[in-house]
N, C-alpha and C. Protein backbone atom coordinates (compact mmCIF):
# COMPACT_ATOMS: atom_id res chain seq x y z
N MET A 1 -13.61 119.76 -21.87
CA MET A 1 -12.66 120.44 -20.97
C MET A 1 -11.26 120.18 -21.57
N SER A 2 -10.45 121.24 -21.64
CA SER A 2 -9.09 121.18 -22.10
C SER A 2 -8.17 120.55 -21.12
N LYS A 3 -7.08 119.98 -21.52
CA LYS A 3 -6.08 119.43 -20.76
C LYS A 3 -5.27 120.63 -20.13
N PRO A 4 -4.84 120.66 -18.81
CA PRO A 4 -4.02 121.58 -18.41
C PRO A 4 -2.73 121.73 -19.14
N LYS A 5 -2.18 122.95 -19.34
CA LYS A 5 -1.02 123.24 -20.08
C LYS A 5 0.13 123.85 -19.22
N LEU A 6 1.32 123.35 -19.21
CA LEU A 6 2.40 123.91 -18.51
C LEU A 6 2.72 125.30 -19.40
N ARG A 7 2.57 126.43 -18.75
CA ARG A 7 2.83 127.65 -19.56
C ARG A 7 3.62 128.67 -18.76
N HIS A 8 4.10 128.33 -17.49
CA HIS A 8 4.78 129.34 -16.69
C HIS A 8 5.74 128.62 -15.86
N ILE A 9 7.01 129.30 -15.85
CA ILE A 9 8.07 128.90 -14.81
C ILE A 9 8.54 130.15 -14.28
N ALA A 10 8.82 129.96 -12.92
CA ALA A 10 9.50 131.22 -12.16
C ALA A 10 10.78 130.80 -11.54
N LEU A 11 11.63 131.83 -11.67
CA LEU A 11 12.93 131.78 -11.07
C LEU A 11 12.94 132.75 -9.87
N SER A 12 13.55 132.37 -8.76
CA SER A 12 13.80 133.30 -7.73
C SER A 12 15.24 133.70 -7.83
N VAL A 13 15.56 134.99 -7.95
CA VAL A 13 16.93 135.47 -8.20
C VAL A 13 17.18 136.75 -7.36
N ASP A 14 18.51 137.11 -7.31
CA ASP A 14 18.76 138.32 -6.50
C ASP A 14 18.52 139.62 -7.30
N ASP A 15 18.89 139.53 -8.62
CA ASP A 15 18.71 140.64 -9.50
C ASP A 15 17.94 140.23 -10.90
N PRO A 16 16.64 140.43 -10.81
CA PRO A 16 15.72 140.10 -11.90
C PRO A 16 16.21 140.69 -13.16
N PHE A 17 16.60 141.96 -13.29
CA PHE A 17 16.86 142.64 -14.50
C PHE A 17 18.12 142.09 -15.12
N ALA A 18 19.18 141.84 -14.35
CA ALA A 18 20.33 141.27 -14.92
C ALA A 18 20.06 139.78 -15.47
N THR A 19 19.27 139.10 -14.76
CA THR A 19 18.96 137.80 -15.12
C THR A 19 18.09 137.81 -16.38
N ALA A 20 17.07 138.70 -16.51
CA ALA A 20 16.27 138.88 -17.75
C ALA A 20 17.23 139.16 -18.92
N ASP A 21 18.20 140.05 -18.69
CA ASP A 21 19.14 140.38 -19.86
C ASP A 21 19.76 139.09 -20.38
N PHE A 22 20.22 138.37 -19.40
CA PHE A 22 20.86 137.03 -19.90
C PHE A 22 19.94 136.21 -20.73
N TYR A 23 18.65 135.97 -20.28
CA TYR A 23 17.82 135.08 -21.10
C TYR A 23 17.31 135.81 -22.37
N MET A 24 17.22 137.25 -22.37
CA MET A 24 16.95 137.76 -23.64
C MET A 24 18.07 137.65 -24.65
N GLN A 25 19.36 137.79 -24.23
CA GLN A 25 20.51 137.74 -25.11
C GLN A 25 20.86 136.27 -25.40
N ALA A 26 20.68 135.40 -24.49
CA ALA A 26 21.09 133.95 -24.77
C ALA A 26 20.09 133.25 -25.58
N PHE A 27 18.79 133.46 -25.26
CA PHE A 27 17.75 132.62 -25.89
C PHE A 27 16.66 133.57 -26.68
N ASP A 28 17.06 134.78 -26.99
CA ASP A 28 16.18 135.56 -27.79
C ASP A 28 14.70 135.71 -27.28
N MET A 29 14.54 135.65 -25.86
CA MET A 29 13.29 135.87 -25.17
C MET A 29 12.93 137.26 -25.26
N GLU A 30 11.64 137.58 -25.29
CA GLU A 30 11.09 138.93 -25.37
C GLU A 30 10.60 139.33 -23.96
N LYS A 31 10.93 140.50 -23.56
CA LYS A 31 10.33 141.17 -22.37
C LYS A 31 8.95 141.49 -22.50
N VAL A 32 7.99 140.95 -21.90
CA VAL A 32 6.48 141.19 -21.95
C VAL A 32 5.90 141.97 -20.79
N GLY A 33 6.76 142.19 -19.69
CA GLY A 33 6.16 142.94 -18.73
C GLY A 33 7.11 142.97 -17.45
N GLU A 34 6.76 143.85 -16.47
CA GLU A 34 7.50 143.92 -15.23
C GLU A 34 6.50 143.97 -14.05
N THR A 35 6.99 143.65 -12.93
CA THR A 35 6.22 143.79 -11.70
C THR A 35 6.94 144.37 -10.58
N ASP A 36 6.28 145.16 -9.74
CA ASP A 36 6.85 145.63 -8.51
C ASP A 36 5.70 145.72 -7.54
N SER A 37 5.23 144.66 -6.99
CA SER A 37 4.07 144.53 -6.23
C SER A 37 4.51 144.27 -4.77
N PRO A 38 3.62 144.27 -3.78
CA PRO A 38 4.03 143.98 -2.40
C PRO A 38 4.66 142.52 -2.29
N LEU A 39 4.39 141.64 -3.32
CA LEU A 39 4.93 140.26 -3.25
C LEU A 39 6.24 140.07 -3.78
N ALA A 40 6.52 140.74 -4.86
CA ALA A 40 7.98 140.61 -5.64
C ALA A 40 8.15 141.68 -6.54
N ARG A 41 9.44 141.81 -6.89
CA ARG A 41 9.87 142.65 -7.95
C ARG A 41 10.51 141.82 -9.04
N GLY A 42 10.05 142.06 -10.43
CA GLY A 42 10.63 141.32 -11.37
C GLY A 42 10.24 141.63 -12.79
N VAL A 43 10.61 140.59 -13.66
CA VAL A 43 10.48 140.82 -15.09
C VAL A 43 9.75 139.55 -15.72
N TYR A 44 8.86 139.75 -16.67
CA TYR A 44 8.33 138.64 -17.25
C TYR A 44 8.76 138.63 -18.81
N LEU A 45 9.28 137.37 -19.11
CA LEU A 45 9.76 137.09 -20.49
C LEU A 45 8.93 136.04 -21.18
N SER A 46 8.83 136.03 -22.48
CA SER A 46 8.23 135.00 -23.23
C SER A 46 9.00 134.50 -24.42
N ASP A 47 8.74 133.24 -24.76
CA ASP A 47 9.22 132.72 -26.02
C ASP A 47 8.18 132.59 -27.03
N GLY A 48 7.04 133.08 -26.71
CA GLY A 48 5.91 133.09 -27.51
C GLY A 48 4.88 132.12 -27.21
N THR A 49 5.28 131.22 -26.35
CA THR A 49 4.28 130.18 -25.74
C THR A 49 4.36 130.10 -24.26
N MET A 50 5.55 130.24 -23.67
CA MET A 50 5.77 130.03 -22.22
C MET A 50 6.08 131.52 -21.56
N CYS A 51 5.59 131.58 -20.33
CA CYS A 51 6.05 132.79 -19.54
C CYS A 51 7.10 132.45 -18.56
N LEU A 52 8.17 133.09 -18.62
CA LEU A 52 9.20 132.99 -17.61
C LEU A 52 9.29 134.21 -16.75
N ALA A 53 8.87 133.96 -15.37
CA ALA A 53 8.83 135.06 -14.45
C ALA A 53 10.25 134.96 -13.64
N ILE A 54 10.88 136.12 -13.70
CA ILE A 54 12.15 136.17 -12.96
C ILE A 54 11.98 137.18 -11.80
N LEU A 55 11.94 136.58 -10.54
CA LEU A 55 11.48 137.38 -9.41
C LEU A 55 12.48 137.41 -8.26
N LYS A 56 12.35 138.62 -7.53
CA LYS A 56 13.09 138.78 -6.33
C LYS A 56 11.91 138.99 -5.28
N PHE A 57 11.66 137.96 -4.45
CA PHE A 57 10.53 138.02 -3.51
C PHE A 57 10.81 139.05 -2.27
N LYS A 58 9.85 139.73 -1.93
CA LYS A 58 10.06 140.73 -0.88
C LYS A 58 9.70 140.26 0.51
N SER A 59 9.03 139.09 0.57
CA SER A 59 8.79 138.54 1.90
C SER A 59 8.85 136.98 1.78
N GLY A 60 8.99 136.47 2.98
CA GLY A 60 8.96 135.06 3.06
C GLY A 60 7.59 134.45 2.93
N LYS A 61 6.60 135.19 3.19
CA LYS A 61 5.24 134.80 3.16
C LYS A 61 4.84 134.16 1.67
N TRP A 62 5.17 134.94 0.63
CA TRP A 62 4.79 134.65 -0.81
C TRP A 62 5.89 133.80 -1.36
N ALA A 63 7.15 133.73 -0.68
CA ALA A 63 8.28 132.89 -1.41
C ALA A 63 7.93 131.49 -1.04
N GLY A 64 7.28 131.20 0.03
CA GLY A 64 7.01 129.81 0.43
C GLY A 64 8.03 129.23 1.30
N GLU A 65 8.14 127.91 1.28
CA GLU A 65 9.05 127.20 2.15
C GLU A 65 10.42 127.43 1.82
N SER A 66 10.74 127.73 0.61
CA SER A 66 12.17 127.94 0.24
C SER A 66 12.67 129.34 0.74
N GLY A 67 11.79 130.22 1.05
CA GLY A 67 12.21 131.44 1.61
C GLY A 67 12.58 132.64 0.59
N LYS A 68 12.58 133.76 0.92
CA LYS A 68 12.76 134.89 0.04
C LYS A 68 14.20 135.13 -0.53
N ASP A 69 15.04 134.48 0.17
CA ASP A 69 16.53 134.50 -0.28
C ASP A 69 16.94 133.43 -1.18
N TYR A 70 16.00 132.44 -1.37
CA TYR A 70 16.41 131.24 -2.17
C TYR A 70 16.64 131.68 -3.58
N GLN A 71 17.54 131.21 -4.30
CA GLN A 71 17.85 131.44 -5.67
C GLN A 71 17.84 130.17 -6.58
N GLY A 72 16.95 130.26 -7.69
CA GLY A 72 16.78 128.93 -8.40
C GLY A 72 15.39 128.85 -8.99
N LEU A 73 15.01 127.70 -9.45
CA LEU A 73 13.70 127.36 -9.99
C LEU A 73 12.78 127.40 -8.68
N HIS A 74 11.81 128.30 -8.78
CA HIS A 74 10.82 128.51 -7.69
C HIS A 74 9.52 127.67 -7.81
N HIS A 75 8.99 127.94 -8.95
CA HIS A 75 7.69 127.16 -9.11
C HIS A 75 7.43 127.10 -10.67
N MET A 76 6.34 126.36 -10.97
CA MET A 76 5.86 126.30 -12.31
C MET A 76 4.31 126.40 -12.27
N GLY A 77 3.74 126.75 -13.45
CA GLY A 77 2.29 127.03 -13.46
C GLY A 77 1.63 126.38 -14.61
N PHE A 78 0.46 125.89 -14.30
CA PHE A 78 -0.42 125.26 -15.20
C PHE A 78 -1.65 125.97 -15.57
N TRP A 79 -1.88 126.27 -16.77
CA TRP A 79 -3.14 126.83 -17.29
C TRP A 79 -4.32 126.00 -17.36
N VAL A 80 -5.35 126.28 -16.47
CA VAL A 80 -6.37 125.23 -16.37
C VAL A 80 -7.72 125.96 -16.79
N ASP A 81 -8.83 125.12 -17.12
CA ASP A 81 -10.09 125.67 -17.49
C ASP A 81 -10.76 126.42 -16.27
N LYS A 82 -10.88 125.55 -15.20
CA LYS A 82 -11.49 126.14 -14.06
C LYS A 82 -10.72 125.80 -12.74
N LEU A 83 -10.47 126.95 -11.90
CA LEU A 83 -9.71 126.81 -10.78
C LEU A 83 -10.21 125.78 -9.79
N GLU A 84 -11.57 125.83 -9.62
CA GLU A 84 -12.30 124.92 -8.68
C GLU A 84 -12.25 123.44 -8.96
N ASP A 85 -12.15 123.22 -10.34
CA ASP A 85 -12.11 121.81 -10.72
C ASP A 85 -10.58 121.38 -10.57
N SER A 86 -9.74 122.25 -10.89
CA SER A 86 -8.27 121.73 -10.76
C SER A 86 -7.97 121.62 -9.34
N HIS A 87 -8.56 122.42 -8.42
CA HIS A 87 -8.26 122.25 -6.91
C HIS A 87 -8.70 120.85 -6.44
N GLU A 88 -9.89 120.52 -6.82
CA GLU A 88 -10.26 119.01 -6.37
C GLU A 88 -9.38 117.92 -6.95
N GLN A 89 -8.88 118.12 -8.22
CA GLN A 89 -7.99 117.03 -8.88
C GLN A 89 -6.74 117.12 -8.09
N ILE A 90 -6.08 118.24 -7.90
CA ILE A 90 -4.89 118.42 -7.22
C ILE A 90 -4.78 117.76 -5.81
N ILE A 91 -5.80 118.05 -5.02
CA ILE A 91 -5.87 117.64 -3.72
C ILE A 91 -6.12 116.04 -3.81
N ALA A 92 -6.99 115.56 -4.62
CA ALA A 92 -7.10 114.02 -4.80
C ALA A 92 -5.86 113.41 -5.24
N ALA A 93 -5.01 114.11 -5.88
CA ALA A 93 -3.74 113.48 -6.33
C ALA A 93 -2.69 113.52 -5.34
N GLY A 94 -2.90 114.18 -4.19
CA GLY A 94 -1.96 114.21 -3.05
C GLY A 94 -1.21 115.67 -2.83
N GLY A 95 -1.85 116.63 -3.70
CA GLY A 95 -1.24 117.91 -3.57
C GLY A 95 -1.74 118.63 -2.26
N THR A 96 -1.13 119.77 -1.82
CA THR A 96 -1.53 120.51 -0.61
C THR A 96 -1.64 122.04 -1.05
N HIS A 97 -2.77 122.65 -0.71
CA HIS A 97 -3.10 123.97 -1.03
C HIS A 97 -2.04 124.79 -0.15
N PHE A 98 -1.50 125.87 -0.76
CA PHE A 98 -0.64 126.81 -0.09
C PHE A 98 -1.23 128.15 -0.05
N ALA A 99 -1.78 128.76 -1.21
CA ALA A 99 -2.26 130.07 -1.03
C ALA A 99 -3.10 130.40 -2.23
N GLY A 100 -3.99 131.32 -2.01
CA GLY A 100 -4.80 131.84 -3.23
C GLY A 100 -4.56 133.36 -3.32
N ARG A 101 -5.65 134.06 -3.65
CA ARG A 101 -5.47 135.46 -3.95
C ARG A 101 -4.92 136.21 -2.75
N PRO A 102 -3.88 137.12 -2.83
CA PRO A 102 -3.41 137.96 -1.89
C PRO A 102 -4.49 138.73 -1.22
N SER A 103 -4.35 139.09 -0.04
CA SER A 103 -5.39 139.99 0.65
C SER A 103 -4.84 141.48 0.82
N GLU A 104 -5.73 142.40 1.00
CA GLU A 104 -5.37 143.71 1.26
C GLU A 104 -4.29 143.83 2.30
N SER A 105 -4.23 142.92 3.30
CA SER A 105 -3.25 143.06 4.34
C SER A 105 -1.72 142.95 3.64
N ASP A 106 -1.69 142.37 2.49
CA ASP A 106 -0.36 142.18 1.71
C ASP A 106 0.09 143.52 0.98
N GLY A 107 -0.78 144.58 1.09
CA GLY A 107 -0.55 145.94 0.44
C GLY A 107 -1.40 146.11 -0.70
N ASP A 108 -1.07 147.12 -1.60
CA ASP A 108 -1.94 147.34 -2.69
C ASP A 108 -1.95 146.16 -3.75
N ILE A 109 -2.96 145.41 -3.86
CA ILE A 109 -2.95 144.22 -4.74
C ILE A 109 -3.84 144.50 -5.84
N SER A 110 -4.31 145.71 -6.08
CA SER A 110 -5.14 145.98 -7.20
C SER A 110 -4.77 145.64 -8.61
N ASN A 111 -3.50 145.68 -8.80
CA ASN A 111 -2.97 145.34 -10.12
C ASN A 111 -2.11 143.98 -10.08
N THR A 112 -2.32 143.20 -8.99
CA THR A 112 -1.41 141.94 -8.83
C THR A 112 -2.07 140.75 -9.54
N HIS A 113 -1.31 140.22 -10.39
CA HIS A 113 -1.76 138.95 -10.97
C HIS A 113 -1.68 137.91 -9.93
N TYR A 114 -2.56 136.98 -9.87
CA TYR A 114 -2.39 135.86 -8.83
C TYR A 114 -2.78 134.38 -9.37
N GLU A 115 -2.19 133.52 -8.80
CA GLU A 115 -2.53 132.10 -9.15
C GLU A 115 -2.98 131.47 -7.74
N VAL A 116 -3.66 130.27 -7.97
CA VAL A 116 -3.77 129.48 -6.71
C VAL A 116 -2.57 128.50 -6.66
N LYS A 117 -1.96 128.57 -5.51
CA LYS A 117 -0.79 127.90 -5.33
C LYS A 117 -0.79 126.55 -4.52
N TYR A 118 -0.03 125.59 -4.76
CA TYR A 118 -0.11 124.24 -4.20
C TYR A 118 1.36 123.69 -4.07
N TYR A 119 1.56 122.73 -3.23
CA TYR A 119 2.76 122.02 -3.23
C TYR A 119 2.41 120.51 -3.67
N ASP A 120 3.28 119.99 -4.55
CA ASP A 120 3.22 118.66 -4.99
C ASP A 120 3.68 117.81 -3.95
N PRO A 121 3.47 116.51 -3.93
CA PRO A 121 3.98 115.46 -2.81
C PRO A 121 5.37 115.57 -2.51
N ASN A 122 6.20 116.24 -3.34
CA ASN A 122 7.65 116.38 -3.14
C ASN A 122 8.00 117.77 -2.57
N GLY A 123 6.98 118.66 -2.43
CA GLY A 123 7.28 120.03 -1.90
C GLY A 123 7.43 120.99 -2.96
N VAL A 124 7.37 120.72 -4.21
CA VAL A 124 7.59 121.56 -5.31
C VAL A 124 6.35 122.49 -5.53
N MET A 125 6.58 123.74 -5.56
CA MET A 125 5.32 124.85 -5.57
C MET A 125 4.78 124.66 -7.07
N VAL A 126 3.50 124.58 -7.13
CA VAL A 126 2.80 124.61 -8.50
C VAL A 126 1.69 125.55 -8.43
N ASP A 127 1.62 126.43 -9.43
CA ASP A 127 0.43 127.37 -9.56
C ASP A 127 -0.56 126.82 -10.60
N THR A 128 -1.81 127.29 -10.44
CA THR A 128 -2.81 127.07 -11.45
C THR A 128 -3.39 128.43 -11.67
N SER A 129 -3.73 128.68 -12.91
CA SER A 129 -4.36 129.97 -13.41
C SER A 129 -5.43 129.65 -14.48
N SER A 130 -6.54 130.18 -14.42
CA SER A 130 -7.59 130.04 -15.44
C SER A 130 -7.46 131.27 -16.50
N LYS A 131 -6.52 132.26 -16.20
CA LYS A 131 -6.35 133.40 -17.12
C LYS A 131 -4.99 133.48 -17.82
N GLY A 132 -4.09 132.51 -17.42
CA GLY A 132 -2.76 132.51 -17.93
C GLY A 132 -1.82 133.50 -17.44
N TRP A 133 -0.72 133.82 -18.22
CA TRP A 133 0.45 134.71 -17.70
C TRP A 133 0.83 135.42 -18.94
N LYS A 134 1.41 136.58 -18.72
CA LYS A 134 1.86 137.48 -19.88
C LYS A 134 2.78 136.69 -20.71
N GLY A 135 2.48 136.91 -22.09
CA GLY A 135 3.41 136.18 -22.96
C GLY A 135 3.14 134.69 -23.19
N ALA A 136 2.20 134.16 -22.47
CA ALA A 136 2.03 132.64 -22.65
C ALA A 136 0.63 132.56 -23.45
N LYS A 137 0.64 131.53 -24.27
CA LYS A 137 -0.53 131.10 -24.98
C LYS A 137 -1.05 129.77 -24.61
N ARG A 138 -2.41 129.77 -24.44
CA ARG A 138 -3.06 128.48 -23.95
C ARG A 138 -2.74 127.36 -24.84
N ASP A 139 -2.90 127.38 -26.11
CA ASP A 139 -2.69 126.32 -27.09
C ASP A 139 -1.66 126.61 -28.19
């Protein structure tokens, strides 16, 4: 079994496209995708290894405790082998489960990428994914 890898960081911002322009110009990041789902509108950038999601959340439900109007570092994501195994490990370490796959009540989620979400003991949101993120590489 592989060691989990930090491969995703998400920012909550007011204007995802202007913020993406900044990171592309300042750090030569590449745009690898966009989203406009019932959960958030945003841009995905990559440096070739990490995925930086720049998001404007549409509702407080998926923004979590910080709320949809919060601006700043929102969460980070770890690429894991198996979601079930990482769930047990996170809970045993003191994490709290927040959310899994969005449901149809959240709107059309047919093309929505999802992660299993937790809070660490300090209240920081952490995602796990067994499929990774756009522009991220496992190893």
